[in-house]
Amino acid sequence: MSLPVDISFQDVPHSEAVEEVVITRANRLIHIRGDLVRCRVSLALGAKHQHQGRPFDVNVHVFTPHRTHVSSNSSNEDAYIALHEAFTHVERMLVEAKGKRSPQP
């Protein structure tokens, strides 16, 4: 099963490689929580730091049928590291939320 993924590039050139990474990571989320409805990911260039280049800001929003969403914001000069950090954070949040939903014996 494939999760519908919306990807937006803001002030960032479109990249098929980044898009492929986003889709792969989003589809891995279904294994954590099977009732996901949609995933939205935005990749934007942040403000230039004084001593560094411009970081990539990544926002990930994951929607469930109950309109609950999980979001994460990550920033790094390497787009792939920013994506990895954002998705890892979302995965952790989904695991924690799944544990809270499960009935306790």
N, C-alpha and C. Protein backbone atom coordinates (compact mmCIF):
# COMPACT_ATOMS: atom_id res chain seq x y z
N MET A 1 0.85 -1.18 0.00
CA MET A 1 0.00 0.00 0.00
C MET A 1 0.89 1.24 0.00
N SER A 2 0.46 2.23 -0.75
CA SER A 2 1.23 3.45 -0.88
C SER A 2 0.47 4.61 -0.24
N LEU A 3 1.18 5.42 0.51
CA LEU A 3 0.59 6.58 1.18
C LEU A 3 0.63 7.77 0.23
N PRO A 4 -0.49 8.48 0.04
CA PRO A 4 -0.46 9.70 -0.78
C PRO A 4 0.47 10.73 -0.15
N VAL A 5 1.38 11.25 -0.95
CA VAL A 5 2.38 12.19 -0.44
C VAL A 5 2.33 13.47 -1.27
N ASP A 6 2.21 14.60 -0.59
CA ASP A 6 2.29 15.91 -1.24
C ASP A 6 3.66 16.50 -0.90
N ILE A 7 4.42 16.86 -1.91
CA ILE A 7 5.75 17.42 -1.68
C ILE A 7 5.80 18.81 -2.30
N SER A 8 6.25 19.78 -1.51
CA SER A 8 6.41 21.12 -2.06
C SER A 8 7.85 21.58 -1.88
N PHE A 9 8.36 22.21 -2.92
CA PHE A 9 9.70 22.77 -2.92
C PHE A 9 9.55 24.29 -2.96
N GLN A 10 10.00 24.97 -1.92
CA GLN A 10 9.87 26.42 -1.85
C GLN A 10 11.26 27.05 -1.89
N ASP A 11 11.54 27.79 -2.93
CA ASP A 11 12.86 28.40 -3.14
C ASP A 11 13.95 27.35 -3.28
N VAL A 12 13.54 26.13 -3.61
CA VAL A 12 14.47 25.02 -3.80
C VAL A 12 14.17 24.41 -5.16
N PRO A 13 15.17 24.18 -5.99
CA PRO A 13 14.90 23.53 -7.28
C PRO A 13 14.35 22.12 -7.07
N HIS A 14 13.40 21.75 -7.90
CA HIS A 14 12.80 20.41 -7.81
C HIS A 14 13.88 19.37 -8.03
N SER A 15 13.84 18.30 -7.23
CA SER A 15 14.82 17.24 -7.34
C SER A 15 14.11 15.89 -7.30
N GLU A 16 14.30 15.10 -8.35
CA GLU A 16 13.71 13.77 -8.40
C GLU A 16 14.29 12.89 -7.29
N ALA A 17 15.57 13.04 -6.99
CA ALA A 17 16.21 12.23 -5.96
C ALA A 17 15.62 12.53 -4.58
N VAL A 18 15.42 13.81 -4.28
CA VAL A 18 14.81 14.19 -3.00
C VAL A 18 13.37 13.68 -2.95
N GLU A 19 12.66 13.81 -4.05
CA GLU A 19 11.28 13.33 -4.11
C GLU A 19 11.21 11.83 -3.83
N GLU A 20 12.13 11.08 -4.39
CA GLU A 20 12.16 9.63 -4.19
C GLU A 20 12.43 9.28 -2.73
N VAL A 21 13.35 10.01 -2.09
CA VAL A 21 13.64 9.79 -0.67
C VAL A 21 12.41 10.08 0.17
N VAL A 22 11.72 11.17 -0.12
CA VAL A 22 10.52 11.55 0.63
C VAL A 22 9.45 10.46 0.51
N ILE A 23 9.20 10.00 -0.68
CA ILE A 23 8.16 8.97 -0.90
C ILE A 23 8.53 7.68 -0.18
N THR A 24 9.80 7.29 -0.25
CA THR A 24 10.24 6.07 0.43
C THR A 24 10.07 6.19 1.93
N ARG A 25 10.50 7.31 2.49
CA ARG A 25 10.39 7.49 3.95
C ARG A 25 8.93 7.61 4.38
N ALA A 26 8.10 8.26 3.59
CA ALA A 26 6.67 8.39 3.93
C ALA A 26 6.00 7.03 3.92
N ASN A 27 6.31 6.19 2.95
CA ASN A 27 5.70 4.87 2.88
C ASN A 27 6.14 3.96 4.02
N ARG A 28 7.31 4.22 4.59
CA ARG A 28 7.75 3.45 5.77
C ARG A 28 6.88 3.75 6.99
N LEU A 29 6.26 4.93 7.00
CA LEU A 29 5.41 5.31 8.14
C LEU A 29 4.19 4.41 8.27
N ILE A 30 3.73 3.83 7.16
CA ILE A 30 2.56 2.95 7.19
C ILE A 30 2.81 1.72 8.05
N HIS A 31 4.06 1.28 8.12
CA HIS A 31 4.39 0.12 8.94
C HIS A 31 4.27 0.43 10.43
N ILE A 32 4.39 1.70 10.78
CA ILE A 32 4.25 2.11 12.17
C ILE A 32 2.78 2.30 12.53
N ARG A 33 2.07 2.93 11.62
CA ARG A 33 0.65 3.19 11.86
C ARG A 33 -0.10 3.03 10.55
N GLY A 34 -0.91 1.99 10.47
CA GLY A 34 -1.56 1.62 9.22
C GLY A 34 -2.73 2.49 8.80
N ASP A 35 -3.22 3.36 9.67
CA ASP A 35 -4.40 4.16 9.32
C ASP A 35 -4.05 5.57 8.84
N LEU A 36 -2.83 5.77 8.38
CA LEU A 36 -2.44 7.08 7.87
C LEU A 36 -3.18 7.38 6.58
N VAL A 37 -3.58 8.63 6.40
CA VAL A 37 -4.35 9.04 5.24
C VAL A 37 -3.49 9.78 4.23
N ARG A 38 -2.61 10.65 4.69
CA ARG A 38 -1.83 11.50 3.79
C ARG A 38 -0.59 12.01 4.52
N CYS A 39 0.41 12.34 3.73
CA CYS A 39 1.63 12.93 4.26
C CYS A 39 1.97 14.15 3.41
N ARG A 40 2.26 15.26 4.08
CA ARG A 40 2.68 16.47 3.38
C ARG A 40 4.08 16.83 3.84
N VAL A 41 4.93 17.08 2.88
CA VAL A 41 6.32 17.43 3.18
C VAL A 41 6.65 18.71 2.42
N SER A 42 7.22 19.68 3.12
CA SER A 42 7.67 20.89 2.44
C SER A 42 9.16 21.06 2.71
N LEU A 43 9.86 21.43 1.67
CA LEU A 43 11.30 21.66 1.72
C LEU A 43 11.53 23.09 1.27
N ALA A 44 12.13 23.89 2.14
CA ALA A 44 12.35 25.31 1.83
C ALA A 44 13.74 25.72 2.27
N LEU A 45 14.26 26.76 1.65
CA LEU A 45 15.53 27.32 2.08
C LEU A 45 15.26 28.32 3.19
N GLY A 46 15.99 28.16 4.29
CA GLY A 46 15.84 29.06 5.42
C GLY A 46 16.70 30.29 5.25
N ALA A 47 16.72 31.12 6.28
CA ALA A 47 17.52 32.34 6.26
C ALA A 47 19.00 31.99 6.36
N LYS A 48 19.82 32.78 5.70
CA LYS A 48 21.27 32.55 5.70
C LYS A 48 21.83 32.85 7.08
N HIS A 49 22.66 31.90 7.57
CA HIS A 49 23.34 32.11 8.84
C HIS A 49 24.57 32.98 8.60
N GLN A 50 25.01 33.65 9.65
CA GLN A 50 26.14 34.55 9.53
C GLN A 50 27.42 33.83 9.09
N HIS A 51 27.68 32.65 9.65
CA HIS A 51 28.92 31.94 9.37
C HIS A 51 28.71 30.67 8.54
N GLN A 52 27.51 30.42 8.12
CA GLN A 52 27.22 29.20 7.38
C GLN A 52 26.34 29.54 6.17
N GLY A 53 26.06 28.52 5.37
CA GLY A 53 25.18 28.71 4.22
C GLY A 53 23.72 28.68 4.64
N ARG A 54 22.85 28.62 3.65
CA ARG A 54 21.42 28.61 3.93
C ARG A 54 20.98 27.18 4.24
N PRO A 55 20.30 26.96 5.35
CA PRO A 55 19.86 25.61 5.69
C PRO A 55 18.56 25.26 4.96
N PHE A 56 18.33 23.97 4.81
CA PHE A 56 17.06 23.47 4.29
C PHE A 56 16.14 23.25 5.48
N ASP A 57 14.95 23.82 5.41
CA ASP A 57 13.94 23.62 6.44
C ASP A 57 12.95 22.59 5.92
N VAL A 58 12.74 21.53 6.68
CA VAL A 58 11.83 20.46 6.28
C VAL A 58 10.69 20.39 7.29
N ASN A 59 9.46 20.41 6.80
CA ASN A 59 8.28 20.21 7.62
C ASN A 59 7.55 18.97 7.13
N VAL A 60 7.20 18.10 8.06
CA VAL A 60 6.47 16.88 7.73
C VAL A 60 5.18 16.88 8.52
N HIS A 61 4.06 16.71 7.83
CA HIS A 61 2.75 16.61 8.46
C HIS A 61 2.14 15.28 8.04
N VAL A 62 1.70 14.51 9.02
CA VAL A 62 1.10 13.21 8.76
C VAL A 62 -0.33 13.25 9.30
N PHE A 63 -1.28 12.84 8.45
CA PHE A 63 -2.69 12.92 8.81
C PHE A 63 -3.30 11.54 9.00
N THR A 64 -4.14 11.41 10.02
CA THR A 64 -4.88 10.19 10.28
C THR A 64 -6.36 10.46 10.03
N PRO A 65 -7.20 9.42 10.02
CA PRO A 65 -8.63 9.65 9.76
C PRO A 65 -9.31 10.59 10.75
N HIS A 66 -8.74 10.69 11.94
CA HIS A 66 -9.37 11.52 12.97
C HIS A 66 -8.85 12.95 12.94
N ARG A 67 -8.21 13.32 11.82
CA ARG A 67 -7.68 14.66 11.61
C ARG A 67 -6.55 15.02 12.57
N THR A 68 -6.07 14.05 13.29
CA THR A 68 -4.91 14.29 14.13
C THR A 68 -3.71 14.34 13.21
N HIS A 69 -2.82 15.25 13.45
CA HIS A 69 -1.62 15.27 12.63
C HIS A 69 -0.38 15.38 13.50
N VAL A 70 0.65 14.84 12.97
CA VAL A 70 1.94 14.88 13.62
C VAL A 70 2.83 15.73 12.73
N SER A 71 3.54 16.66 13.30
CA SER A 71 4.40 17.48 12.46
C SER A 71 5.80 17.54 13.05
N SER A 72 6.74 17.76 12.20
CA SER A 72 8.12 17.89 12.62
C SER A 72 8.79 18.94 11.77
N ASN A 73 9.69 19.68 12.37
CA ASN A 73 10.45 20.69 11.65
C ASN A 73 11.92 20.41 11.89
N SER A 74 12.67 20.30 10.83
CA SER A 74 14.10 20.05 10.94
C SER A 74 14.83 21.00 10.00
N SER A 75 16.02 21.37 10.39
CA SER A 75 16.79 22.31 9.58
C SER A 75 18.25 21.86 9.54
N ASN A 76 18.82 21.82 8.33
CA ASN A 76 20.21 21.44 8.16
C ASN A 76 20.69 21.94 6.81
N GLU A 77 21.98 22.16 6.67
CA GLU A 77 22.52 22.61 5.38
C GLU A 77 22.46 21.52 4.32
N ASP A 78 22.36 20.28 4.74
CA ASP A 78 22.22 19.14 3.83
C ASP A 78 20.76 18.72 3.80
N ALA A 79 20.13 18.79 2.64
CA ALA A 79 18.70 18.47 2.53
C ALA A 79 18.40 17.05 2.98
N TYR A 80 19.28 16.11 2.67
CA TYR A 80 19.04 14.71 3.03
C TYR A 80 19.12 14.50 4.54
N ILE A 81 20.01 15.20 5.20
CA ILE A 81 20.10 15.10 6.67
C ILE A 81 18.86 15.72 7.29
N ALA A 82 18.41 16.86 6.78
CA ALA A 82 17.20 17.51 7.29
C ALA A 82 15.99 16.59 7.12
N LEU A 83 15.88 15.94 5.96
CA LEU A 83 14.78 15.00 5.72
C LEU A 83 14.87 13.82 6.69
N HIS A 84 16.06 13.26 6.85
CA HIS A 84 16.25 12.12 7.75
C HIS A 84 15.82 12.49 9.17
N GLU A 85 16.28 13.64 9.66
CA GLU A 85 15.95 14.06 11.02
C GLU A 85 14.46 14.28 11.20
N ALA A 86 13.82 14.92 10.21
CA ALA A 86 12.39 15.19 10.31
C ALA A 86 11.59 13.89 10.32
N PHE A 87 11.91 12.97 9.42
CA PHE A 87 11.16 11.71 9.37
C PHE A 87 11.44 10.83 10.59
N THR A 88 12.67 10.85 11.08
CA THR A 88 12.98 10.08 12.30
C THR A 88 12.17 10.60 13.47
N HIS A 89 12.05 11.92 13.57
CA HIS A 89 11.25 12.53 14.63
C HIS A 89 9.78 12.14 14.50
N VAL A 90 9.25 12.17 13.29
CA VAL A 90 7.85 11.80 13.07
C VAL A 90 7.63 10.32 13.41
N GLU A 91 8.56 9.47 13.00
CA GLU A 91 8.45 8.04 13.32
C GLU A 91 8.39 7.84 14.83
N ARG A 92 9.27 8.52 15.56
CA ARG A 92 9.28 8.41 17.01
C ARG A 92 7.96 8.88 17.61
N MET A 93 7.43 9.98 17.09
CA MET A 93 6.16 10.50 17.60
C MET A 93 5.01 9.53 17.32
N LEU A 94 5.01 8.91 16.15
CA LEU A 94 3.96 7.94 15.82
C LEU A 94 4.04 6.71 16.70
N VAL A 95 5.25 6.24 16.99
CA VAL A 95 5.42 5.08 17.87
C VAL A 95 4.89 5.42 19.26
N GLU A 96 5.23 6.61 19.76
CA GLU A 96 4.75 7.03 21.08
C GLU A 96 3.24 7.15 21.10
N ALA A 97 2.66 7.73 20.05
CA ALA A 97 1.20 7.89 19.98
C ALA A 97 0.52 6.53 19.88
N LYS A 98 1.13 5.61 19.17
CA LYS A 98 0.58 4.25 19.03
C LYS A 98 0.56 3.57 20.38
N GLY A 99 1.60 3.75 21.17
CA GLY A 99 1.66 3.17 22.51
C GLY A 99 0.60 3.74 23.43
N LYS A 100 0.28 4.99 23.27
CA LYS A 100 -0.75 5.62 24.10
C LYS A 100 -2.14 5.16 23.71
N ARG A 101 -2.33 4.81 22.41
CA ARG A 101 -3.64 4.36 21.93
C ARG A 101 -3.94 2.94 22.33
N SER A 102 -2.89 2.12 22.49
CA SER A 102 -3.06 0.70 22.77
C SER A 102 -3.67 0.51 24.16
N PRO A 103 -4.64 -0.41 24.28
CA PRO A 103 -5.21 -0.68 25.60
C PRO A 103 -4.18 -1.35 26.50
N GLN A 104 -4.08 -0.90 27.70
CA GLN A 104 -3.14 -1.46 28.67
C GLN A 104 -3.80 -2.59 29.43
N PRO A 105 -3.10 -3.70 29.70
CA PRO A 105 -3.70 -4.82 30.45
C PRO A 105 -3.86 -4.50 31.91
